[in-house]
Amino acid sequence: MPVTVVLGAQWGDEGKGKITDFLAKKADVCVRFSGGDNAGHTVINKRGEFKLHLIPCGIFNPETLCIIGNGVAVNPNVLIGEMAALEQRGVSCKNLRISSKAHLIMPWHLALDGLQEEERGEGKIGTTKRGIGPVFSDKIGRFGLRVEDLFAENMEQKLRKLRERSATLLLMVYGYKSYDLMYDVILKNLLDFKNRISPFVTETEPVLWEACDQKKRILMEGAQGIMLDPDFGTYPETTSSPCTLASALQGSGISWMEIKEVIGVVKAYTTRVCEKNIPFKTEMPSAIADPFREHTKEYGATTNRPRRIGWLDASYLRYAARINGFTGLAVTRMDSLGTFHFSGGKVKIWDGNKYLEMPGKWGRDIKHLNAILFLQAVEKLAGVRVKYISYGPEREQVAIVKNRFLF
């Protein structure tokens, strides 16, 4: 590696979990550095299908140390549930580490998220209502509760103060009666959470620095996609935490000097989970998108909402590559695009000015001439070479491009 960053190059849901799981086989350390449980990574391996929201995909490799970094917002109930679900299916969490600096999603964040989305009315952005925006607002406003606070002597005092502040704001602004924000209930749940995660909590930056010094292979796992970044994405229809290469550094404590490879993950087409009022210029007509969605099972891993479907937008891919300095692309869902019978047998790529029509119907054969022509067009338009190609849901259905599509 030794430090490889995997980033989504679109609006999330690009198949990062699949690529991260594939690369994690050889990783000594796997780090999740941003987002919260509003992001879901689907992994399919010999144990079955898993949907991870907080725990890094490297957890399936018993030799890999898995770190939830300081840049991640942690919902205590979700993390405990995810750990329990993995362990019930024979996946050990003994190699999990949780940053003491990670912020906690509290019940008032969940309540506020839903109320703020309702407040937007027709302009709502389609938030997952997982409390992500409010928790990061509190983080920047210095009203956050971090994992390390659970172990502080003044924990109960701080919790009471934050709970009272949030309950007052909810009541005064939204008229929200905080029946589900009872202090005693919240305290008990946090103490239970503290006891459960205590063996896993640590300052993770020194752990990562030591791994870098020892030249260990570190894999950094992004959440969402570049076009959801609050600075560089399609604002305001974005997420609330950064999604760029810079967030990998900010959310882990690893220096930029350690980064050797940046892989942008891109679907062979485009999907978005958002409201219908939000512009989506490469969206397929519903007559094509609806059957293609069923063909590809394009529903959100976190919310199960139907994803909007469009042709590959190479102009946004080029933009994402420039911002993040991609050293390679991982193109996913080539099998999905190649096995669907589009009218006239053609598939399209938007280059920023017009659609390029190309022959489709390569099936699952990524060595087919039509598949190679499509991938070469992606390379040319993005200005980045294709390094990995995913052509099916299984872990091993990934091809490494070693020399200009000579596999």
Protein backbone atom coordinates (compact mmCIF):
# COMPACT_ATOMS: atom_id res chain seq x y z
CA MET A 1 0.00 0.00 0.00
CA PRO A 2 1.45 1.37 2.50
CA VAL A 3 -1.27 4.06 3.01
CA THR A 4 -4.10 3.81 0.51
CA VAL A 5 -7.22 5.99 0.64
CA VAL A 6 -10.48 4.80 -0.91
CA LEU A 7 -12.95 7.58 -1.75
CA GLY A 8 -16.35 7.70 -3.42
CA ALA A 9 -16.18 9.70 -6.64
CA GLN A 10 -19.92 10.35 -7.04
CA TRP A 11 -22.84 10.79 -4.59
CA GLY A 12 -21.99 7.75 -2.50
CA ASP A 13 -23.25 4.18 -3.06
CA GLU A 14 -20.44 3.57 -5.56
CA GLY A 15 -19.46 0.18 -4.15
CA LYS A 16 -16.71 1.40 -1.81
CA GLY A 17 -17.49 -1.45 0.60
CA LYS A 18 -16.75 -4.00 -2.10
CA ILE A 19 -13.45 -2.38 -3.08
CA THR A 20 -12.41 -1.77 0.52
CA ASP A 21 -13.19 -5.37 1.46
CA PHE A 22 -11.12 -6.56 -1.51
CA LEU A 23 -8.13 -4.40 -0.57
CA ALA A 24 -8.47 -5.13 3.16
CA LYS A 25 -7.33 -8.71 2.57
CA LYS A 26 -3.77 -7.41 2.50
CA ALA A 27 -4.15 -4.53 4.97
CA ASP A 28 -2.60 -4.46 8.43
CA VAL A 29 -4.83 -1.54 9.48
CA CYS A 30 -8.20 -0.37 8.16
CA VAL A 31 -9.51 3.08 9.16
CA ARG A 32 -12.96 4.64 8.86
CA PHE A 33 -12.37 8.40 9.08
CA SER A 34 -15.58 10.32 8.36
CA GLY A 35 -19.36 10.33 8.35
CA GLY A 36 -21.63 8.37 10.62
CA ASP A 37 -24.28 5.67 10.35
CA ASN A 38 -25.92 7.62 7.55
CA ALA A 39 -23.45 5.79 5.30
CA GLY A 40 -23.69 2.08 4.60
CA HIS A 41 -21.15 -0.23 3.02
CA THR A 42 -22.43 -3.54 1.70
CA VAL A 43 -19.96 -6.43 1.82
CA ILE A 44 -20.58 -9.91 0.41
CA ASN A 45 -18.17 -12.67 1.36
CA LYS A 46 -18.21 -16.35 2.29
CA ARG A 47 -20.16 -15.58 5.47
CA GLY A 48 -22.94 -13.88 3.52
CA GLU A 49 -24.07 -10.29 3.02
CA PHE A 50 -23.28 -7.60 5.59
CA LYS A 51 -24.29 -3.95 5.77
CA LEU A 52 -21.78 -1.98 7.82
CA HIS A 53 -22.42 1.59 8.94
CA LEU A 54 -19.61 2.39 11.38
CA ILE A 55 -17.18 -0.52 11.61
CA PRO A 56 -14.49 -0.65 8.89
CA CYS A 57 -14.78 -3.36 6.24
CA GLY A 58 -11.43 -4.80 7.35
CA ILE A 59 -13.20 -6.40 10.31
CA PHE A 60 -13.66 -9.55 8.22
CA ASN A 61 -9.89 -10.05 8.15
CA PRO A 62 -8.93 -11.39 11.62
CA GLU A 63 -5.39 -10.04 11.22
CA THR A 64 -6.45 -6.47 10.44
CA LEU A 65 -6.64 -3.77 13.10
CA CYS A 66 -9.83 -1.76 12.51
CA ILE A 67 -10.10 1.83 13.67
CA ILE A 68 -13.11 4.13 13.96
CA GLY A 69 -11.34 7.47 13.66
CA ASN A 70 -11.88 10.81 15.34
CA GLY A 71 -13.74 12.13 12.29
CA VAL A 72 -16.61 9.66 12.69
CA ALA A 73 -19.86 10.49 14.47
CA VAL A 74 -20.87 7.47 16.55
CA ASN A 75 -24.43 6.56 17.49
CA PRO A 76 -23.98 4.36 20.58
CA ASN A 77 -26.99 2.15 19.86
CA VAL A 78 -25.97 1.61 16.26
CA LEU A 79 -22.38 0.70 17.14
CA ILE A 80 -23.41 -1.77 19.84
CA GLY A 81 -25.96 -3.32 17.50
CA GLU A 82 -23.45 -3.61 14.70
CA MET A 83 -20.86 -5.25 16.94
CA ALA A 84 -23.45 -7.71 18.26
CA ALA A 85 -24.67 -8.58 14.76
CA LEU A 86 -21.13 -9.30 13.57
CA GLU A 87 -20.28 -11.43 16.59
CA GLN A 88 -23.50 -13.42 16.24
CA ARG A 89 -22.38 -14.38 12.75
CA GLY A 90 -18.90 -15.40 13.86
CA VAL A 91 -17.02 -12.18 13.08
CA SER A 92 -14.83 -11.13 16.00
CA CYS A 93 -14.56 -7.45 16.99
CA LYS A 94 -11.49 -7.95 19.20
CA ASN A 95 -9.35 -5.97 16.74
CA LEU A 96 -11.66 -2.95 16.79
CA ARG A 97 -10.39 0.38 18.17
CA ILE A 98 -12.51 3.50 18.73
CA SER A 99 -11.02 6.97 18.83
CA SER A 100 -11.49 8.74 22.14
CA LYS A 101 -12.00 11.94 20.12
CA ALA A 102 -14.97 10.67 18.09
CA HIS A 103 -18.21 12.56 18.75
CA LEU A 104 -21.38 10.86 19.96
CA ILE A 105 -24.80 11.18 18.36
CA MET A 106 -27.30 11.88 21.12
CA PRO A 107 -31.12 11.61 21.14
CA TRP A 108 -31.50 15.36 20.71
CA HIS A 109 -29.49 15.21 17.49
CA LEU A 110 -31.94 12.67 16.07
CA ALA A 111 -34.94 14.79 17.10
CA LEU A 112 -33.45 17.97 15.65
CA ASP A 113 -32.52 16.30 12.36
CA GLY A 114 -36.12 15.28 11.72
CA LEU A 115 -37.52 18.67 12.73
CA GLN A 116 -35.06 20.57 10.53
CA GLU A 117 -35.94 18.42 7.52
CA GLU A 118 -39.63 19.04 8.13
CA GLU A 119 -38.91 22.76 8.39
CA ARG A 120 -37.46 22.80 4.86
CA GLY A 121 -40.85 21.86 3.42
CA GLU A 122 -40.70 21.51 -0.36
CA GLY A 123 -36.99 22.26 -0.23
CA LYS A 124 -36.12 19.25 1.91
CA ILE A 125 -32.86 17.57 0.97
CA GLY A 126 -33.58 13.95 1.88
CA THR A 127 -31.54 13.61 5.05
CA THR A 128 -31.42 10.14 6.56
CA LYS A 129 -32.55 11.69 9.88
CA ARG A 130 -29.70 9.95 11.69
CA GLY A 131 -28.64 13.12 13.54
CA ILE A 132 -25.57 13.68 11.39
CA GLY A 133 -26.04 17.37 10.60
CA PRO A 134 -26.87 18.36 14.20
CA VAL A 135 -23.98 16.37 15.72
CA PHE A 136 -21.44 18.01 13.43
CA SER A 137 -23.02 21.40 14.10
CA ASP A 138 -22.50 20.79 17.82
CA LYS A 139 -18.96 19.61 17.17
CA ILE A 140 -18.05 22.87 15.42
CA GLY A 141 -20.03 24.90 17.96
CA ARG A 142 -18.13 23.22 20.83
CA PHE A 143 -21.29 21.71 22.31
CA GLY A 144 -20.36 18.13 21.47
CA LEU A 145 -19.96 15.05 23.61
CA ARG A 146 -16.93 12.92 22.73
CA VAL A 147 -16.19 9.30 23.57
CA GLU A 148 -13.51 10.43 26.01
CA ASP A 149 -16.12 12.42 27.97
CA LEU A 150 -17.70 9.13 29.06
CA PHE A 151 -14.59 8.45 31.13
CA ALA A 152 -14.24 11.94 32.62
CA GLU A 153 -15.05 12.75 36.25
CA ASN A 154 -17.47 15.52 35.23
CA MET A 155 -19.28 13.32 32.68
CA GLU A 156 -22.70 13.47 34.38
CA GLN A 157 -22.46 17.21 34.91
CA LYS A 158 -21.57 17.83 31.28
CA LEU A 159 -24.29 15.49 30.03
CA ARG A 160 -26.94 17.22 32.14
CA LYS A 161 -25.90 20.64 30.87
CA LEU A 162 -25.91 19.59 27.22
CA ARG A 163 -29.24 17.81 27.59
CA GLU A 164 -30.87 20.86 29.20
CA ARG A 165 -29.49 23.19 26.53
CA SER A 166 -30.73 20.99 23.68
CA ALA A 167 -34.15 20.38 25.24
CA THR A 168 -34.61 24.13 25.69
CA LEU A 169 -33.65 24.86 22.09
CA LEU A 170 -36.00 22.18 20.78
CA LEU A 171 -38.86 23.55 22.85
CA MET A 172 -38.28 27.23 22.11
CA VAL A 173 -37.69 26.85 18.34
CA TYR A 174 -39.88 23.90 17.43
CA GLY A 175 -42.24 23.48 20.35
CA TYR A 176 -40.80 19.99 20.81
CA LYS A 177 -41.76 18.34 24.08
CA SER A 178 -38.73 16.34 25.17
CA TYR A 179 -40.49 13.29 26.55
CA ASP A 180 -37.89 11.05 24.94
CA LEU A 181 -34.96 13.11 26.25
CA MET A 182 -35.22 12.11 29.90
CA TYR A 183 -31.85 12.59 31.57
CA ASP A 184 -31.93 9.38 33.63
CA VAL A 185 -32.67 7.24 30.59
CA ILE A 186 -29.93 8.87 28.53
CA LEU A 187 -27.42 8.52 31.36
CA LYS A 188 -28.17 4.82 31.84
CA ASN A 189 -27.82 4.13 28.12
CA LEU A 190 -24.49 5.97 27.98
CA LEU A 191 -23.12 4.11 31.00
CA ASP A 192 -24.10 0.80 29.41
CA PHE A 193 -22.40 1.92 26.20
CA LYS A 194 -19.29 2.96 28.12
CA ASN A 195 -19.02 -0.46 29.74
CA ARG A 196 -19.46 -2.21 26.40
CA ILE A 197 -16.84 -0.24 24.46
CA SER A 198 -14.34 0.46 27.23
CA PRO A 199 -11.82 -2.20 26.06
CA PHE A 200 -11.80 -0.71 22.56
CA VAL A 201 -11.38 3.02 23.28
CA THR A 202 -7.98 4.62 22.85
CA GLU A 203 -6.11 7.55 21.35
CA THR A 204 -5.90 6.20 17.83
CA GLU A 205 -3.45 8.74 16.38
CA PRO A 206 -0.37 7.24 18.11
CA VAL A 207 -1.52 3.78 16.98
CA LEU A 208 -1.58 4.99 13.39
CA TRP A 209 1.71 6.85 13.67
CA GLU A 210 3.39 3.71 14.94
CA ALA A 211 1.90 1.71 12.08
CA CYS A 212 3.23 4.29 9.61
CA ASP A 213 6.70 4.19 11.18
CA GLN A 214 6.67 0.40 10.88
CA LYS A 215 5.66 0.67 7.20
CA LYS A 216 2.50 -1.32 7.79
CA ARG A 217 -0.15 -1.42 5.09
CA ILE A 218 -2.90 1.02 6.03
CA LEU A 219 -6.21 1.23 4.21
CA MET A 220 -8.38 4.30 4.79
CA GLU A 221 -12.08 3.93 4.09
CA GLY A 222 -14.14 6.95 3.09
CA ALA A 223 -17.88 7.45 3.48
CA GLN A 224 -20.39 8.95 1.05
CA GLY A 225 -18.93 10.54 -2.09
CA ILE A 226 -17.18 13.69 -3.27
CA MET A 227 -20.35 15.24 -4.68
CA LEU A 228 -21.84 15.09 -1.17
CA ASP A 229 -18.96 17.08 0.32
CA PRO A 230 -20.30 20.25 2.03
CA ASP A 231 -17.64 22.41 0.34
CA PHE A 232 -17.14 20.84 -3.08
CA GLY A 233 -20.36 18.90 -3.58
CA THR A 234 -23.77 19.93 -4.90
CA TYR A 235 -24.54 22.14 -1.88
CA PRO A 236 -26.94 22.34 -0.09
CA GLU A 237 -27.93 18.78 -1.09
CA THR A 238 -24.84 17.37 0.61
CA THR A 239 -23.86 15.53 3.75
CA SER A 240 -22.52 17.30 6.86
CA SER A 241 -18.97 16.01 7.08
CA PRO A 242 -16.16 16.32 4.52
CA CYS A 243 -15.71 13.57 1.95
CA THR A 244 -12.44 14.55 0.26
CA LEU A 245 -8.90 13.32 0.66
CA ALA A 246 -8.38 16.11 3.19
CA SER A 247 -10.98 14.49 5.46
CA ALA A 248 -8.88 11.32 5.56
CA LEU A 249 -6.12 13.32 7.22
CA GLN A 250 -8.41 15.37 9.46
CA GLY A 251 -10.39 12.33 10.57
CA SER A 252 -7.42 10.13 11.43
CA GLY A 253 -4.32 12.16 12.31
CA ILE A 254 -2.26 10.65 9.49
CA SER A 255 0.03 13.08 7.67
CA TRP A 256 -0.37 13.78 3.94
CA MET A 257 3.22 12.63 3.48
CA GLU A 258 2.19 9.06 4.28
CA ILE A 259 -0.45 8.83 1.51
CA LYS A 260 0.83 6.81 -1.44
CA GLU A 261 -2.35 5.92 -3.33
CA VAL A 262 -5.80 7.48 -3.69
CA ILE A 263 -8.43 5.28 -5.32
CA GLY A 264 -11.62 6.90 -6.59
CA VAL A 265 -14.52 4.47 -6.71
CA VAL A 266 -17.02 5.13 -9.48
CA LYS A 267 -20.01 3.18 -10.77
CA ALA A 268 -20.27 2.52 -14.48
CA TYR A 269 -23.43 4.63 -14.21
CA THR A 270 -24.65 7.16 -11.61
CA THR A 271 -27.05 6.92 -8.68
CA ARG A 272 -28.32 9.45 -6.15
CA VAL A 273 -30.45 9.04 -3.04
CA CYS A 274 -32.24 12.38 -2.88
CA GLU A 275 -35.57 14.08 -3.32
CA LYS A 276 -37.09 14.38 -6.79
CA ASN A 277 -36.93 18.18 -6.64
CA ILE A 278 -33.12 18.07 -6.67
CA PRO A 279 -31.56 18.46 -10.16
CA PHE A 280 -29.89 15.38 -11.64
CA LYS A 281 -28.79 16.17 -15.18
CA THR A 282 -27.85 12.65 -16.38
CA GLU A 283 -30.95 10.97 -14.94
CA MET A 284 -32.43 8.28 -17.16
CA PRO A 285 -36.12 8.51 -18.14
CA SER A 286 -38.27 6.49 -15.74
CA ALA A 287 -39.10 4.03 -18.54
CA ILE A 288 -35.42 3.03 -18.48
CA ALA A 289 -34.51 3.83 -14.89
CA ASP A 290 -37.31 1.84 -13.23
CA PRO A 291 -36.53 -1.55 -14.81
CA PHE A 292 -32.80 -0.91 -14.50
CA ARG A 293 -33.23 -0.18 -10.77
CA GLU A 294 -34.93 -3.53 -10.31
CA HIS A 295 -32.25 -5.23 -12.40
CA THR A 296 -29.51 -3.77 -10.22
CA LYS A 297 -31.39 -3.66 -6.87
CA GLU A 298 -30.45 -0.01 -6.43
CA TYR A 299 -31.90 0.78 -3.03
CA GLY A 300 -30.14 2.63 -0.21
CA ALA A 301 -28.08 0.43 2.15
CA THR A 302 -29.08 2.63 5.10
CA THR A 303 -32.62 3.75 4.29
CA ASN A 304 -33.70 1.26 1.58
CA ARG A 305 -34.94 4.24 -0.43
CA PRO A 306 -34.97 3.77 -4.22
CA ARG A 307 -31.94 5.41 -5.79
CA ARG A 308 -32.33 7.72 -8.76
CA ILE A 309 -30.51 6.33 -11.78
CA GLY A 310 -28.49 8.19 -14.40
CA TRP A 311 -25.79 7.69 -16.97
CA LEU A 312 -22.16 8.10 -15.93
CA ASP A 313 -21.27 11.79 -15.55
CA ALA A 314 -17.62 12.04 -16.56
CA SER A 315 -17.53 15.80 -15.97
CA TYR A 316 -18.16 15.29 -12.24
CA LEU A 317 -15.70 12.40 -12.21
CA ARG A 318 -13.02 14.63 -13.72
CA TYR A 319 -13.83 17.27 -11.10
CA ALA A 320 -13.55 14.73 -8.25
CA ALA A 321 -10.26 13.44 -9.62
CA ARG A 322 -8.78 16.94 -9.73
CA ILE A 323 -9.80 17.80 -6.16
CA ASN A 324 -8.50 14.57 -4.66
CA GLY A 325 -5.58 13.64 -6.88
CA PHE A 326 -6.83 10.16 -7.70
CA THR A 327 -3.96 7.86 -8.62
CA GLY A 328 -6.37 5.26 -9.92
CA LEU A 329 -10.04 4.45 -10.43
CA ALA A 330 -12.06 1.45 -9.32
CA VAL A 331 -15.00 1.05 -11.70
CA THR A 332 -17.84 -0.95 -10.20
CA ARG A 333 -21.08 -2.49 -11.50
CA MET A 334 -19.67 -3.20 -14.94
CA ASP A 335 -21.70 -6.42 -14.90
CA SER A 336 -24.92 -4.52 -14.16
CA LEU A 337 -24.42 -2.14 -17.08
CA GLY A 338 -23.29 -4.89 -19.43
CA THR A 339 -26.14 -7.32 -18.78
CA PHE A 340 -29.06 -4.90 -19.09
CA HIS A 341 -30.72 -4.63 -22.49
CA PHE A 342 -30.81 -0.91 -23.25
CA SER A 343 -32.68 0.28 -26.32
CA GLY A 344 -30.48 -0.03 -29.39
CA GLY A 345 -27.83 -1.81 -27.35
CA LYS A 346 -26.18 1.52 -26.51
CA VAL A 347 -24.88 2.93 -23.21
CA LYS A 348 -24.03 6.58 -22.59
CA ILE A 349 -21.43 8.76 -20.88
CA TRP A 350 -21.92 12.49 -20.29
CA ASP A 351 -18.69 14.36 -21.05
CA GLY A 352 -19.87 17.74 -19.74
CA ASN A 353 -21.24 18.98 -23.07
CA LYS A 354 -22.89 16.03 -24.76
CA TYR A 355 -23.60 12.34 -24.41
CA LEU A 356 -21.21 9.85 -25.92
CA GLU A 357 -23.05 6.77 -27.14
CA MET A 358 -21.12 3.52 -26.96
CA PRO A 359 -21.93 -0.13 -27.68
CA GLY A 360 -23.12 -2.08 -24.65
CA LYS A 361 -24.12 -5.73 -24.23
CA TRP A 362 -20.81 -7.09 -22.96
CA GLY A 363 -22.56 -9.21 -20.36
CA ARG A 364 -20.25 -10.01 -17.46
CA ASP A 365 -17.20 -10.27 -19.71
CA ILE A 366 -15.02 -7.26 -18.88
CA LYS A 367 -12.52 -8.45 -21.50
CA HIS A 368 -15.17 -7.95 -24.18
CA LEU A 369 -14.20 -5.26 -26.70
CA ASN A 370 -17.26 -3.15 -25.84
CA ALA A 371 -16.35 -3.19 -22.14
CA ILE A 372 -12.77 -2.21 -22.89
CA LEU A 373 -13.90 0.65 -25.14
CA PHE A 374 -16.18 1.91 -22.36
CA LEU A 375 -13.40 1.78 -19.77
CA GLN A 376 -10.93 3.47 -22.07
CA ALA A 377 -13.43 6.31 -22.56
CA VAL A 378 -13.78 6.66 -18.79
CA GLU A 379 -10.00 6.87 -18.43
CA LYS A 380 -9.69 9.49 -21.14
CA LEU A 381 -12.51 11.67 -19.83
CA ALA A 382 -11.44 11.44 -16.18
CA GLY A 383 -7.73 11.79 -16.85
CA VAL A 384 -7.04 8.87 -14.48
CA ARG A 385 -6.24 5.27 -15.27
CA VAL A 386 -8.56 2.44 -14.29
CA LYS A 387 -6.85 0.14 -11.79
CA TYR A 388 -9.68 -2.06 -10.50
CA ILE A 389 -12.84 -3.34 -12.17
CA SER A 390 -15.71 -4.94 -10.26
CA TYR A 391 -17.89 -7.25 -12.33
CA GLY A 392 -20.07 -8.95 -9.70
CA PRO A 393 -21.09 -8.85 -6.03
CA GLU A 394 -18.63 -11.43 -4.70
CA ARG A 395 -15.34 -10.41 -3.09
CA GLU A 396 -13.24 -12.12 -5.73
CA GLN A 397 -15.13 -10.60 -8.66
CA VAL A 398 -12.61 -7.76 -8.93
CA ALA A 399 -10.02 -7.56 -11.70
CA ILE A 400 -6.73 -5.72 -11.25
CA VAL A 401 -5.69 -3.87 -14.39
CA LYS A 402 -1.97 -4.29 -14.62
CA ASN A 403 -1.17 -3.07 -18.12
CA ARG A 404 -3.71 -1.18 -20.20
CA PHE A 405 -6.49 -3.74 -19.91
CA LEU A 406 -4.24 -6.73 -20.43
CA PHE A 407 -5.48 -8.74 -17.42
